[in-house]
C-alpha atoms as a PDB file:
ATOM      1  CA  MET A   1       0.891   2.106  -5.697  1.00  0.00           C
ATOM      2  CA  VAL A   2      -0.032   4.622  -2.980  1.00  0.00           C
ATOM      3  CA  LEU A   3      -1.777   7.813  -4.140  1.00  0.00           C
ATOM      4  CA  ASP A   4      -3.306  10.961  -2.629  1.00  0.00           C
ATOM      5  CA  LYS A   5      -7.059  10.381  -2.893  1.00  0.00           C
ATOM      6  CA  GLU A   6      -7.869  13.964  -3.925  1.00  0.00           C
ATOM      7  CA  SER A   7      -5.030  14.811  -6.315  1.00  0.00           C
ATOM      8  CA  GLY A   8      -4.004  11.369  -7.551  1.00  0.00           C
ATOM      9  CA  GLU A   9      -0.369  12.267  -6.863  1.00  0.00           C
ATOM     10  CA  PRO A  10       1.940   9.448  -5.742  1.00  0.00           C
ATOM     11  CA  LEU A  11       2.909   9.363  -2.071  1.00  0.00           C
ATOM     12  CA  LYS A  12       6.071   8.237  -0.328  1.00  0.00           C
ATOM     13  CA  ALA A  13       4.554   5.886   2.233  1.00  0.00           C
ATOM     14  CA  ARG A  14       5.042   2.720   4.252  1.00  0.00           C
ATOM     15  CA  VAL A  15       3.141  -0.396   3.252  1.00  0.00           C
ATOM     16  CA  TRP A  16       2.670  -3.637   5.153  1.00  0.00           C
ATOM     17  CA  ARG A  17       0.959  -6.989   4.854  1.00  0.00           C
ATOM     18  CA  SER A  18      -0.981  -8.988   7.409  1.00  0.00           C
ATOM     19  CA  ASP A  19       2.287 -10.612   8.577  1.00  0.00           C
ATOM     20  CA  ASN A  20       3.533  -7.092   9.510  1.00  0.00           C
ATOM     21  CA  TYR A  21       6.274  -7.124   6.858  1.00  0.00           C
ATOM     22  CA  ILE A  22       6.847  -3.359   6.364  1.00  0.00           C
ATOM     23  CA  LYS A  23       8.543  -1.679   3.423  1.00  0.00           C
ATOM     24  CA  PRO A  24       8.691   1.853   2.025  1.00  0.00           C
ATOM     25  CA  THR A  25       7.317   2.865  -1.337  1.00  0.00           C
ATOM     26  CA  SER A  26       9.557   4.387  -3.967  1.00  0.00           C
ATOM     27  CA  ALA A  27       9.323   8.147  -4.608  1.00  0.00           C
ATOM     28  CA  ASP A  28       6.606   7.453  -7.210  1.00  0.00           C
ATOM     29  CA  GLY A  29       4.446   5.560  -4.689  1.00  0.00           C
ATOM     30  CA  ARG A  30       5.210   2.104  -6.047  1.00  0.00           C
ATOM     31  CA  PHE A  31       5.910  -0.998  -3.993  1.00  0.00           C
ATOM     32  CA  THR A  32       6.440  -4.692  -4.610  1.00  0.00           C
ATOM     33  CA  PHE A  33       6.042  -7.690  -2.329  1.00  0.00           C
ATOM     34  CA  GLU A  34       7.585 -10.962  -3.420  1.00  0.00           C
ATOM     35  CA  ASN A  35       6.750 -14.563  -2.545  1.00  0.00           C
ATOM     36  CA  ILE A  36       3.219 -13.931  -1.293  1.00  0.00           C
ATOM     37  CA  PRO A  37       0.973 -17.010  -1.271  1.00  0.00           C
ATOM     38  CA  THR A  38      -1.913 -16.962  -3.740  1.00  0.00           C
ATOM     39  CA  GLY A  39      -5.275 -15.772  -2.461  1.00  0.00           C
ATOM     40  CA  TYR A  40      -6.410 -12.568  -0.798  1.00  0.00           C
ATOM     41  CA  GLU A  41      -3.957 -10.417   1.139  1.00  0.00           C
ATOM     42  CA  LEU A  42      -4.732  -7.220   3.047  1.00  0.00           C
ATOM     43  CA  ILE A  43      -2.243  -4.496   2.112  1.00  0.00           C
ATOM     44  CA  ASN A  44      -2.061  -1.435   4.385  1.00  0.00           C
ATOM     45  CA  ALA A  45      -0.426   1.957   3.843  1.00  0.00           C
ATOM     46  CA  SER A  46       0.554   4.895   6.003  1.00  0.00           C
ATOM     47  CA  ALA A  47       2.046   8.278   5.089  1.00  0.00           C
ATOM     48  CA  ASP A  48       2.811  11.352   7.175  1.00  0.00           C
ATOM     49  CA  GLY A  49      -0.176  13.714   7.227  1.00  0.00           C
ATOM     50  CA  TYR A  50      -2.589  11.088   5.898  1.00  0.00           C
ATOM     51  CA  ALA A  51      -5.093   8.691   7.427  1.00  0.00           C
ATOM     52  CA  ASP A  52      -4.089   5.046   7.012  1.00  0.00           C
ATOM     53  CA  GLY A  53      -5.604   3.083   4.163  1.00  0.00           C
ATOM     54  CA  SER A  54      -5.893  -0.533   3.119  1.00  0.00           C
ATOM     55  CA  VAL A  55      -7.081  -2.680   0.245  1.00  0.00           C
ATOM     56  CA  ALA A  56      -7.632  -6.399  -0.306  1.00  0.00           C
ATOM     57  CA  ALA A  57      -5.398  -7.686  -3.075  1.00  0.00           C
ATOM     58  CA  ASP A  58      -6.161 -10.834  -5.046  1.00  0.00           C
ATOM     59  CA  VAL A  59      -2.726 -12.449  -5.443  1.00  0.00           C
ATOM     60  CA  TYR A  60      -2.258 -14.736  -8.432  1.00  0.00           C
ATOM     61  CA  GLN A  61       0.520 -17.194  -9.084  1.00  0.00           C
ATOM     62  CA  GLY A  62       3.575 -15.746 -10.880  1.00  0.00           C
ATOM     63  CA  ASP A  63       3.593 -12.163 -12.164  1.00  0.00           C
ATOM     64  CA  GLU A  64      -0.066 -12.011 -13.208  1.00  0.00           C
ATOM     65  CA  SER A  65      -1.503 -10.159 -10.184  1.00  0.00           C
ATOM     66  CA  PRO A  66      -3.225  -6.838 -10.952  1.00  0.00           C
ATOM     67  CA  GLU A  67      -1.660  -3.611  -9.706  1.00  0.00           C
ATOM     68  CA  VAL A  68      -2.751  -2.660  -6.185  1.00  0.00           C
ATOM     69  CA  ILE A  69      -3.717   0.992  -5.650  1.00  0.00           C
ATOM     70  CA  ILE A  70      -4.222   2.390  -2.162  1.00  0.00           C
ATOM     71  CA  LEU A  71      -5.787   5.861  -1.919  1.00  0.00           C
ATOM     72  CA  LEU A  72      -4.987   7.880   1.213  1.00  0.00           C
ATOM     73  CA  SER A  73      -6.969  10.881   2.442  1.00  0.00           C
ATOM     74  CA  LYS A  74      -5.335  13.770   4.273  1.00  0.00           C
ATOM     75  CA  GLY A  75      -5.864  13.403   7.992  1.00  0.00           C
ATOM     76  CA  SER A  76      -4.106  12.697  11.243  1.00  0.00           C
ATOM     77  CA  ALA A  77      -4.812   9.017  11.862  1.00  0.00           C
ATOM     78  CA  GLY A  78      -1.450   7.815  10.518  1.00  0.00           C
ATOM     79  CA  VAL A  79       0.701   5.215  12.219  1.00  0.00           C
ATOM     80  CA  ASN A  80       4.147   6.236  13.454  1.00  0.00           C
ATOM     81  CA  PHE A  81       6.923   3.709  12.839  1.00  0.00           C
END
């Protein structure tokens, strides 16, 4: 889930993994990646008007991985796609 760091509101953003697979979030800031190998994966996010953010996710086998939350701060360091 991608959220505004100050307000906690969900953001419509773009998220990507280390293999540069990019996908948009839903309107409520949620995203899902499927078929990721177990272990740690760096998940990045970008939204218009916000500085990019990232978080390391610990990916478990099956559907047991914890929810990933990326907090973005308002700023101008976003990536344009």
